[in-house]
Amino acid sequence: MIDPETIEEWEECDGEAVSCYGFDPDTGEWAWGWVPLENIEENGRTDILDALFPVRREGAV
């Protein structure tokens, strides 16, 4: 699975996971793959979450 800390690009979200380009430590290569939203959030990638869900940013206090 793509390491969330290495994600450089993302395209679509199906509500549970995001299609992302980053480094896959299992294969040792850069690749596209699906990363669960939970993993993205746990790794502090708020930049991705804010881009995917703009309302989330606007509603922040």
N, C-alpha and C. Protein backbone atom coordinates (compact mmCIF):
# COMPACT_ATOMS: atom_id res chain seq x y z
N MET A 1 0.85 -1.19 0.00
CA MET A 1 0.00 0.00 0.00
C MET A 1 0.89 1.25 0.00
N ILE A 2 0.39 2.28 -0.60
CA ILE A 2 1.12 3.55 -0.69
C ILE A 2 1.29 4.13 0.72
N ASP A 3 2.50 4.58 1.01
CA ASP A 3 2.79 5.23 2.30
C ASP A 3 2.17 6.63 2.27
N PRO A 4 1.20 6.92 3.15
CA PRO A 4 0.52 8.22 3.13
C PRO A 4 1.47 9.41 3.24
N GLU A 5 2.60 9.24 3.89
CA GLU A 5 3.54 10.35 4.05
C GLU A 5 4.23 10.70 2.74
N THR A 6 4.19 9.80 1.75
CA THR A 6 4.88 10.04 0.48
C THR A 6 3.94 10.47 -0.65
N ILE A 7 2.66 10.60 -0.37
CA ILE A 7 1.69 10.93 -1.42
C ILE A 7 2.02 12.29 -2.04
N GLU A 8 2.16 12.29 -3.36
CA GLU A 8 2.45 13.52 -4.09
C GLU A 8 1.26 14.01 -4.90
N GLU A 9 0.40 13.08 -5.33
CA GLU A 9 -0.78 13.43 -6.13
C GLU A 9 -1.93 12.55 -5.72
N TRP A 10 -3.14 13.03 -5.96
CA TRP A 10 -4.33 12.23 -5.72
C TRP A 10 -5.37 12.65 -6.73
N GLU A 11 -6.25 11.70 -7.06
CA GLU A 11 -7.24 11.97 -8.10
C GLU A 11 -8.66 11.89 -7.58
N GLU A 12 -9.09 10.71 -7.25
CA GLU A 12 -10.49 10.54 -6.91
C GLU A 12 -10.65 9.86 -5.55
N CYS A 13 -11.84 10.04 -5.02
CA CYS A 13 -12.17 9.44 -3.72
C CYS A 13 -13.51 8.74 -3.89
N ASP A 14 -13.60 7.51 -3.41
CA ASP A 14 -14.85 6.77 -3.51
C ASP A 14 -15.65 6.81 -2.21
N GLY A 15 -15.22 7.68 -1.28
CA GLY A 15 -15.90 7.80 0.01
C GLY A 15 -15.21 7.01 1.11
N GLU A 16 -14.39 6.04 0.73
CA GLU A 16 -13.67 5.23 1.71
C GLU A 16 -12.17 5.27 1.49
N ALA A 17 -11.76 5.48 0.24
CA ALA A 17 -10.33 5.49 -0.09
C ALA A 17 -10.07 6.51 -1.19
N VAL A 18 -8.79 6.86 -1.33
CA VAL A 18 -8.38 7.86 -2.31
C VAL A 18 -7.35 7.24 -3.25
N SER A 19 -7.51 7.49 -4.54
CA SER A 19 -6.53 7.06 -5.52
C SER A 19 -5.35 8.03 -5.44
N CYS A 20 -4.19 7.51 -5.03
CA CYS A 20 -3.02 8.36 -4.76
C CYS A 20 -1.77 7.85 -5.46
N TYR A 21 -0.86 8.79 -5.74
CA TYR A 21 0.45 8.44 -6.26
C TYR A 21 1.47 8.69 -5.16
N GLY A 22 2.22 7.66 -4.83
CA GLY A 22 3.23 7.78 -3.79
C GLY A 22 4.11 6.55 -3.77
N PHE A 23 4.93 6.43 -2.75
CA PHE A 23 5.88 5.32 -2.66
C PHE A 23 5.23 4.13 -1.97
N ASP A 24 5.35 2.97 -2.59
CA ASP A 24 4.83 1.73 -2.04
C ASP A 24 6.00 0.95 -1.45
N PRO A 25 6.14 0.92 -0.13
CA PRO A 25 7.28 0.23 0.47
C PRO A 25 7.26 -1.29 0.25
N ASP A 26 6.10 -1.85 -0.06
CA ASP A 26 6.02 -3.29 -0.32
C ASP A 26 6.70 -3.66 -1.63
N THR A 27 6.58 -2.81 -2.63
CA THR A 27 7.19 -3.09 -3.94
C THR A 27 8.50 -2.33 -4.14
N GLY A 28 8.71 -1.29 -3.35
CA GLY A 28 9.91 -0.47 -3.50
C GLY A 28 9.83 0.47 -4.69
N GLU A 29 8.61 0.73 -5.16
CA GLU A 29 8.43 1.59 -6.34
C GLU A 29 7.40 2.68 -6.07
N TRP A 30 7.46 3.73 -6.88
CA TRP A 30 6.44 4.78 -6.88
C TRP A 30 5.31 4.28 -7.76
N ALA A 31 4.08 4.42 -7.27
CA ALA A 31 2.95 3.87 -8.02
C ALA A 31 1.65 4.54 -7.60
N TRP A 32 0.59 4.28 -8.39
CA TRP A 32 -0.76 4.69 -8.04
C TRP A 32 -1.40 3.56 -7.26
N GLY A 33 -2.17 3.91 -6.25
CA GLY A 33 -2.88 2.90 -5.47
C GLY A 33 -3.95 3.56 -4.61
N TRP A 34 -4.82 2.73 -4.06
CA TRP A 34 -5.89 3.23 -3.20
C TRP A 34 -5.44 3.23 -1.76
N VAL A 35 -5.64 4.36 -1.08
CA VAL A 35 -5.27 4.51 0.33
C VAL A 35 -6.53 4.84 1.11
N PRO A 36 -6.84 4.06 2.15
CA PRO A 36 -8.04 4.35 2.95
C PRO A 36 -7.98 5.75 3.57
N LEU A 37 -9.12 6.43 3.59
CA LEU A 37 -9.18 7.77 4.20
C LEU A 37 -8.69 7.74 5.65
N GLU A 38 -8.98 6.66 6.35
CA GLU A 38 -8.56 6.52 7.75
C GLU A 38 -7.04 6.60 7.86
N ASN A 39 -6.32 5.96 6.94
CA ASN A 39 -4.85 6.01 6.97
C ASN A 39 -4.33 7.41 6.68
N ILE A 40 -5.00 8.09 5.75
CA ILE A 40 -4.61 9.46 5.41
C ILE A 40 -4.79 10.37 6.62
N GLU A 41 -5.91 10.22 7.30
CA GLU A 41 -6.18 11.04 8.49
C GLU A 41 -5.21 10.70 9.62
N GLU A 42 -4.97 9.42 9.86
CA GLU A 42 -4.07 9.01 10.94
C GLU A 42 -2.65 9.52 10.73
N ASN A 43 -2.26 9.72 9.48
CA ASN A 43 -0.92 10.20 9.17
C ASN A 43 -0.84 11.71 9.05
N GLY A 44 -1.93 12.39 9.42
CA GLY A 44 -1.91 13.85 9.47
C GLY A 44 -1.91 14.55 8.13
N ARG A 45 -2.39 13.89 7.07
CA ARG A 45 -2.40 14.50 5.74
C ARG A 45 -3.65 15.36 5.55
N THR A 46 -3.75 16.40 6.37
CA THR A 46 -4.90 17.31 6.29
C THR A 46 -4.94 18.06 4.97
N ASP A 47 -3.79 18.19 4.31
CA ASP A 47 -3.77 18.86 3.00
C ASP A 47 -4.63 18.08 2.00
N ILE A 48 -4.55 16.77 2.04
CA ILE A 48 -5.34 15.94 1.14
C ILE A 48 -6.81 15.99 1.54
N LEU A 49 -7.08 15.85 2.82
CA LEU A 49 -8.47 15.88 3.30
C LEU A 49 -9.13 17.22 3.00
N ASP A 50 -8.41 18.31 3.20
CA ASP A 50 -8.97 19.65 2.91
C ASP A 50 -9.25 19.83 1.42
N ALA A 51 -8.38 19.28 0.57
CA ALA A 51 -8.59 19.40 -0.87
C ALA A 51 -9.79 18.57 -1.33
N LEU A 52 -9.96 17.40 -0.72
CA LEU A 52 -11.07 16.52 -1.10
C LEU A 52 -12.40 16.98 -0.52
N PHE A 53 -12.34 17.54 0.68
CA PHE A 53 -13.56 17.95 1.39
C PHE A 53 -13.45 19.39 1.84
N PRO A 54 -13.62 20.38 0.92
CA PRO A 54 -13.45 21.80 1.26
C PRO A 54 -14.35 22.26 2.40
N VAL A 55 -15.51 21.67 2.54
CA VAL A 55 -16.44 22.06 3.61
C VAL A 55 -15.81 21.77 4.97
N ARG A 56 -15.01 20.72 5.03
CA ARG A 56 -14.33 20.35 6.27
C ARG A 56 -13.46 21.51 6.75
N ARG A 57 -12.75 22.16 5.83
CA ARG A 57 -11.87 23.29 6.17
C ARG A 57 -12.68 24.51 6.57
N GLU A 58 -13.75 24.78 5.84
CA GLU A 58 -14.58 25.96 6.13
C GLU A 58 -15.28 25.84 7.48
N GLY A 59 -15.60 24.60 7.88
CA GLY A 59 -16.31 24.38 9.14
C GLY A 59 -15.39 24.32 10.34
N ALA A 60 -14.07 24.34 10.10
CA ALA A 60 -13.10 24.24 11.22
C ALA A 60 -13.16 25.51 12.07
N VAL A 61 -12.97 25.30 13.33
CA VAL A 61 -12.99 26.43 14.26
C VAL A 61 -11.59 26.71 14.76
